[in-house]
Amino acid sequence: MRNTLLGSLVVFASLLVLCNTQCYVELYDKNPEDPPDECRDLDGVTHKLNVEWKTENCCTCSCDETGIHCCNTAAIPGGFDTTKCKTIFHKDTCSYSVVELENPDKECPVSSWIL
């Protein structure tokens, strides 16, 4: 029974980490000079509360009274041969490709994608 519970906790913790690796929260102290219905991101750009926007790094963000919440929109490849293949990030399409190190024109098989 104890091993089953411990195993379940390990699986749950692993899933929790995987789910949270693509999202993050930027906590902030609201500047008294800022309008009450806006927040300011780390680049100094103001955004309306509870309205989504996209960043140049392929994240979708929104803000509320506690902070700015962002999630990556690009699926990250996993389950490929890292000794023979490499990832290439395409910022214009917010996507990755996996190609051979020796022949970058040839794609590698990918068994999973993490979003």
N, C-alpha and C. Protein backbone atom coordinates (compact mmCIF):
# COMPACT_ATOMS: atom_id res chain seq x y z
N MET A 1 0.83 -1.19 0.00
CA MET A 1 0.00 0.00 0.00
C MET A 1 0.87 1.26 0.00
N ARG A 2 1.90 1.25 0.83
CA ARG A 2 2.78 2.41 0.93
C ARG A 2 3.51 2.66 -0.39
N ASN A 3 3.99 1.59 -1.05
CA ASN A 3 4.67 1.72 -2.33
C ASN A 3 3.74 2.23 -3.42
N THR A 4 2.49 1.80 -3.38
CA THR A 4 1.50 2.26 -4.35
C THR A 4 1.25 3.75 -4.20
N LEU A 5 1.10 4.19 -2.95
CA LEU A 5 0.88 5.61 -2.68
C LEU A 5 2.09 6.43 -3.11
N LEU A 6 3.29 5.95 -2.78
CA LEU A 6 4.51 6.65 -3.15
C LEU A 6 4.65 6.72 -4.68
N GLY A 7 4.36 5.63 -5.35
CA GLY A 7 4.41 5.61 -6.82
C GLY A 7 3.42 6.59 -7.42
N SER A 8 2.22 6.65 -6.86
CA SER A 8 1.20 7.58 -7.35
C SER A 8 1.65 9.03 -7.16
N LEU A 9 2.26 9.32 -6.03
CA LEU A 9 2.74 10.67 -5.78
C LEU A 9 3.85 11.06 -6.76
N VAL A 10 4.74 10.13 -7.07
CA VAL A 10 5.81 10.40 -8.03
C VAL A 10 5.23 10.70 -9.41
N VAL A 11 4.26 9.91 -9.84
CA VAL A 11 3.62 10.14 -11.14
C VAL A 11 2.91 11.48 -11.14
N PHE A 12 2.18 11.80 -10.08
CA PHE A 12 1.47 13.07 -9.99
C PHE A 12 2.44 14.24 -10.03
N ALA A 13 3.53 14.15 -9.27
CA ALA A 13 4.54 15.22 -9.25
C ALA A 13 5.16 15.40 -10.62
N SER A 14 5.41 14.31 -11.34
CA SER A 14 5.97 14.39 -12.68
C SER A 14 5.01 15.09 -13.63
N LEU A 15 3.74 14.74 -13.55
CA LEU A 15 2.75 15.39 -14.41
C LEU A 15 2.62 16.86 -14.06
N LEU A 16 2.67 17.19 -12.80
CA LEU A 16 2.57 18.58 -12.36
C LEU A 16 3.73 19.39 -12.93
N VAL A 17 4.93 18.85 -12.88
CA VAL A 17 6.09 19.54 -13.42
C VAL A 17 5.96 19.71 -14.92
N LEU A 18 5.54 18.67 -15.63
CA LEU A 18 5.38 18.77 -17.08
C LEU A 18 4.34 19.81 -17.46
N CYS A 19 3.26 19.87 -16.72
CA CYS A 19 2.21 20.83 -17.03
C CYS A 19 2.66 22.26 -16.75
N ASN A 20 3.46 22.47 -15.74
CA ASN A 20 3.85 23.81 -15.35
C ASN A 20 5.08 24.32 -16.07
N THR A 21 5.80 23.46 -16.80
CA THR A 21 7.01 23.93 -17.45
C THR A 21 6.70 24.86 -18.61
N GLN A 22 5.53 24.83 -19.17
CA GLN A 22 5.19 25.67 -20.30
C GLN A 22 4.46 26.95 -19.91
N CYS A 23 4.13 27.12 -18.65
CA CYS A 23 3.43 28.32 -18.19
C CYS A 23 4.17 28.93 -17.01
N TYR A 24 4.02 30.22 -16.86
CA TYR A 24 4.64 30.91 -15.74
C TYR A 24 3.83 32.14 -15.36
N VAL A 25 4.09 32.65 -14.17
CA VAL A 25 3.42 33.85 -13.68
C VAL A 25 4.48 34.87 -13.29
N GLU A 26 4.31 36.08 -13.76
CA GLU A 26 5.17 37.18 -13.35
C GLU A 26 4.39 37.98 -12.31
N LEU A 27 4.79 37.88 -11.04
CA LEU A 27 4.12 38.65 -9.99
C LEU A 27 4.61 40.09 -10.07
N TYR A 28 3.74 41.02 -9.73
CA TYR A 28 4.16 42.42 -9.77
C TYR A 28 3.47 43.22 -8.68
N ASP A 29 4.14 44.27 -8.32
CA ASP A 29 3.54 45.27 -7.43
C ASP A 29 2.99 46.38 -8.31
N LYS A 30 1.71 46.60 -8.21
CA LYS A 30 1.07 47.60 -9.06
C LYS A 30 1.58 48.99 -8.72
N ASN A 31 1.98 49.73 -9.74
CA ASN A 31 2.42 51.10 -9.58
C ASN A 31 1.18 51.97 -9.35
N PRO A 32 1.17 52.79 -8.31
CA PRO A 32 -0.01 53.63 -8.04
C PRO A 32 -0.37 54.56 -9.20
N GLU A 33 0.59 54.85 -10.06
CA GLU A 33 0.32 55.74 -11.20
C GLU A 33 -0.35 55.02 -12.36
N ASP A 34 -0.30 53.68 -12.37
CA ASP A 34 -0.93 52.92 -13.44
C ASP A 34 -2.45 52.94 -13.29
N PRO A 35 -3.18 52.95 -14.41
CA PRO A 35 -4.64 52.86 -14.32
C PRO A 35 -5.06 51.56 -13.64
N PRO A 36 -6.18 51.56 -12.92
CA PRO A 36 -6.59 50.36 -12.16
C PRO A 36 -7.00 49.18 -13.04
N ASP A 37 -7.30 49.43 -14.31
CA ASP A 37 -7.74 48.34 -15.18
C ASP A 37 -6.65 47.89 -16.15
N GLU A 38 -5.38 48.18 -15.83
CA GLU A 38 -4.27 47.80 -16.68
C GLU A 38 -3.13 47.21 -15.85
N CYS A 39 -2.25 46.48 -16.53
CA CYS A 39 -1.01 46.00 -15.92
C CYS A 39 0.13 46.33 -16.86
N ARG A 40 1.33 46.31 -16.34
CA ARG A 40 2.52 46.65 -17.14
C ARG A 40 3.45 45.44 -17.13
N ASP A 41 3.84 44.96 -18.34
CA ASP A 41 4.72 43.80 -18.41
C ASP A 41 6.18 44.22 -18.17
N LEU A 42 7.09 43.25 -18.20
CA LEU A 42 8.49 43.54 -17.91
C LEU A 42 9.14 44.44 -18.94
N ASP A 43 8.55 44.54 -20.13
CA ASP A 43 9.07 45.44 -21.16
C ASP A 43 8.49 46.84 -21.04
N GLY A 44 7.61 47.04 -20.05
CA GLY A 44 7.01 48.36 -19.85
C GLY A 44 5.75 48.60 -20.65
N VAL A 45 5.28 47.60 -21.38
CA VAL A 45 4.07 47.73 -22.19
C VAL A 45 2.85 47.50 -21.30
N THR A 46 1.84 48.37 -21.43
CA THR A 46 0.63 48.21 -20.63
C THR A 46 -0.40 47.38 -21.39
N HIS A 47 -1.17 46.61 -20.62
CA HIS A 47 -2.21 45.73 -21.17
C HIS A 47 -3.44 45.85 -20.29
N LYS A 48 -4.61 45.72 -20.89
CA LYS A 48 -5.86 45.72 -20.13
C LYS A 48 -5.95 44.43 -19.31
N LEU A 49 -6.54 44.50 -18.12
CA LEU A 49 -6.74 43.32 -17.29
C LEU A 49 -7.64 42.31 -18.01
N ASN A 50 -7.29 41.03 -17.86
CA ASN A 50 -8.08 39.90 -18.38
C ASN A 50 -8.24 39.91 -19.90
N VAL A 51 -7.29 40.53 -20.61
CA VAL A 51 -7.29 40.50 -22.08
C VAL A 51 -6.01 39.80 -22.52
N GLU A 52 -6.14 38.82 -23.42
CA GLU A 52 -4.98 38.05 -23.87
C GLU A 52 -4.19 38.82 -24.94
N TRP A 53 -2.88 38.60 -24.93
CA TRP A 53 -2.01 39.09 -26.00
C TRP A 53 -0.93 38.06 -26.25
N LYS A 54 -0.30 38.16 -27.41
CA LYS A 54 0.79 37.24 -27.77
C LYS A 54 2.10 38.00 -27.72
N THR A 55 3.15 37.31 -27.25
CA THR A 55 4.47 37.90 -27.19
C THR A 55 5.27 37.49 -28.42
N GLU A 56 6.39 38.15 -28.64
CA GLU A 56 7.25 37.78 -29.77
C GLU A 56 7.94 36.46 -29.55
N ASN A 57 7.90 35.94 -28.31
CA ASN A 57 8.51 34.64 -27.99
C ASN A 57 7.50 33.51 -27.98
N CYS A 58 6.38 33.71 -28.66
CA CYS A 58 5.36 32.67 -28.84
C CYS A 58 4.65 32.28 -27.54
N CYS A 59 4.39 33.24 -26.69
CA CYS A 59 3.60 33.00 -25.48
C CYS A 59 2.28 33.75 -25.61
N THR A 60 1.24 33.18 -25.02
CA THR A 60 -0.03 33.86 -24.88
C THR A 60 -0.12 34.29 -23.42
N CYS A 61 -0.38 35.57 -23.19
CA CYS A 61 -0.38 36.10 -21.83
C CYS A 61 -1.69 36.83 -21.53
N SER A 62 -1.98 36.96 -20.26
CA SER A 62 -3.05 37.82 -19.77
C SER A 62 -2.66 38.25 -18.37
N CYS A 63 -3.28 39.30 -17.88
CA CYS A 63 -2.94 39.75 -16.53
C CYS A 63 -4.21 39.95 -15.71
N ASP A 64 -4.03 39.83 -14.41
CA ASP A 64 -5.09 40.12 -13.45
C ASP A 64 -4.46 40.92 -12.32
N GLU A 65 -5.15 41.03 -11.22
CA GLU A 65 -4.67 41.84 -10.11
C GLU A 65 -3.40 41.29 -9.46
N THR A 66 -3.10 40.01 -9.67
CA THR A 66 -1.95 39.39 -9.00
C THR A 66 -0.70 39.33 -9.85
N GLY A 67 -0.87 39.30 -11.18
CA GLY A 67 0.30 39.19 -12.03
C GLY A 67 -0.04 38.89 -13.47
N ILE A 68 1.02 38.66 -14.23
CA ILE A 68 0.88 38.33 -15.64
C ILE A 68 1.08 36.82 -15.80
N HIS A 69 0.12 36.18 -16.43
CA HIS A 69 0.13 34.73 -16.62
C HIS A 69 0.41 34.44 -18.09
N CYS A 70 1.46 33.67 -18.36
CA CYS A 70 1.85 33.39 -19.75
C CYS A 70 2.03 31.89 -19.96
N CYS A 71 1.69 31.42 -21.14
CA CYS A 71 1.91 30.03 -21.53
C CYS A 71 2.52 29.99 -22.93
N ASN A 72 3.47 29.10 -23.10
CA ASN A 72 4.11 28.89 -24.39
C ASN A 72 3.10 28.26 -25.34
N THR A 73 3.06 28.72 -26.58
CA THR A 73 2.14 28.14 -27.55
C THR A 73 2.83 27.21 -28.53
N ALA A 74 4.14 27.08 -28.43
CA ALA A 74 4.89 26.21 -29.34
C ALA A 74 5.05 24.82 -28.71
N ALA A 75 4.63 23.80 -29.43
CA ALA A 75 4.80 22.42 -28.95
C ALA A 75 6.29 22.06 -29.05
N ILE A 76 6.83 21.50 -27.97
CA ILE A 76 8.25 21.16 -27.90
C ILE A 76 8.41 19.67 -28.19
N PRO A 77 9.30 19.35 -29.13
CA PRO A 77 9.49 17.94 -29.48
C PRO A 77 10.20 17.16 -28.39
N GLY A 78 9.81 15.91 -28.23
CA GLY A 78 10.45 15.00 -27.28
C GLY A 78 10.50 13.61 -27.91
N GLY A 79 11.23 12.71 -27.29
CA GLY A 79 11.27 11.35 -27.79
C GLY A 79 11.95 11.21 -29.13
N PHE A 80 13.08 11.90 -29.32
CA PHE A 80 13.86 11.73 -30.54
C PHE A 80 15.32 11.48 -30.15
N ASP A 81 16.10 11.03 -31.08
CA ASP A 81 17.50 10.68 -30.82
C ASP A 81 18.34 11.95 -30.71
N THR A 82 18.63 12.37 -29.49
CA THR A 82 19.37 13.62 -29.28
C THR A 82 20.84 13.51 -29.66
N THR A 83 21.34 12.29 -29.86
CA THR A 83 22.74 12.14 -30.28
C THR A 83 22.89 12.32 -31.79
N LYS A 84 21.79 12.14 -32.53
CA LYS A 84 21.85 12.24 -33.99
C LYS A 84 21.03 13.41 -34.54
N CYS A 85 20.18 14.01 -33.68
CA CYS A 85 19.25 15.03 -34.16
C CYS A 85 19.30 16.28 -33.28
N LYS A 86 18.83 17.40 -33.85
CA LYS A 86 18.75 18.66 -33.10
C LYS A 86 17.43 19.34 -33.42
N THR A 87 17.01 20.23 -32.51
CA THR A 87 15.78 20.99 -32.74
C THR A 87 16.14 22.35 -33.35
N ILE A 88 15.23 22.83 -34.17
CA ILE A 88 15.34 24.17 -34.73
C ILE A 88 14.02 24.88 -34.44
N PHE A 89 14.10 26.05 -33.80
CA PHE A 89 12.90 26.81 -33.47
C PHE A 89 12.61 27.82 -34.58
N HIS A 90 11.36 27.84 -35.03
CA HIS A 90 10.92 28.75 -36.09
C HIS A 90 10.03 29.81 -35.44
N LYS A 91 10.62 30.95 -35.14
CA LYS A 91 9.91 32.02 -34.42
C LYS A 91 8.73 32.56 -35.22
N ASP A 92 8.85 32.57 -36.54
CA ASP A 92 7.78 33.12 -37.38
C ASP A 92 6.51 32.28 -37.33
N THR A 93 6.64 30.97 -37.09
CA THR A 93 5.46 30.10 -37.03
C THR A 93 5.25 29.49 -35.64
N CYS A 94 6.11 29.85 -34.68
CA CYS A 94 6.04 29.32 -33.31
C CYS A 94 6.03 27.79 -33.34
N SER A 95 6.97 27.23 -34.06
CA SER A 95 7.04 25.77 -34.17
C SER A 95 8.49 25.31 -34.19
N TYR A 96 8.67 24.01 -33.96
CA TYR A 96 9.98 23.39 -33.98
C TYR A 96 10.03 22.37 -35.10
N SER A 97 11.23 22.16 -35.63
CA SER A 97 11.48 21.00 -36.47
C SER A 97 12.67 20.27 -35.86
N VAL A 98 12.74 18.99 -36.12
CA VAL A 98 13.84 18.16 -35.61
C VAL A 98 14.54 17.58 -36.83
N VAL A 99 15.83 17.91 -36.94
CA VAL A 99 16.59 17.49 -38.12
C VAL A 99 17.86 16.76 -37.69
N GLU A 100 18.42 16.02 -38.64
CA GLU A 100 19.66 15.30 -38.37
C GLU A 100 20.82 16.29 -38.23
N LEU A 101 21.73 15.99 -37.32
CA LEU A 101 22.92 16.82 -37.15
C LEU A 101 23.79 16.80 -38.40
N GLU A 102 23.97 15.61 -38.97
CA GLU A 102 24.85 15.44 -40.13
C GLU A 102 24.22 15.92 -41.43
N ASN A 103 22.88 15.86 -41.50
CA ASN A 103 22.18 16.26 -42.72
C ASN A 103 20.92 17.05 -42.32
N PRO A 104 21.07 18.37 -42.09
CA PRO A 104 19.95 19.19 -41.62
C PRO A 104 18.76 19.26 -42.59
N ASP A 105 18.93 18.78 -43.80
CA ASP A 105 17.81 18.74 -44.74
C ASP A 105 16.89 17.55 -44.49
N LYS A 106 17.33 16.61 -43.65
CA LYS A 106 16.55 15.41 -43.37
C LYS A 106 15.95 15.51 -41.96
N GLU A 107 14.61 15.34 -41.87
CA GLU A 107 13.93 15.39 -40.59
C GLU A 107 14.09 14.09 -39.82
N CYS A 108 14.07 14.20 -38.50
CA CYS A 108 14.15 13.03 -37.62
C CYS A 108 12.75 12.67 -37.13
N PRO A 109 12.51 11.40 -36.86
CA PRO A 109 11.22 11.01 -36.28
C PRO A 109 11.10 11.51 -34.84
N VAL A 110 9.93 11.99 -34.48
CA VAL A 110 9.64 12.48 -33.14
C VAL A 110 8.45 11.71 -32.61
N SER A 111 8.60 11.14 -31.39
CA SER A 111 7.54 10.30 -30.86
C SER A 111 6.55 11.05 -29.95
N SER A 112 6.93 12.26 -29.50
CA SER A 112 6.01 13.00 -28.63
C SER A 112 6.26 14.49 -28.73
N TRP A 113 5.22 15.25 -28.43
CA TRP A 113 5.30 16.71 -28.41
C TRP A 113 4.69 17.21 -27.11
N ILE A 114 5.33 18.16 -26.47
CA ILE A 114 4.86 18.70 -25.19
C ILE A 114 4.35 20.10 -25.42
N LEU A 115 3.12 20.33 -25.00
CA LEU A 115 2.54 21.67 -25.13
C LEU A 115 2.18 22.21 -23.78
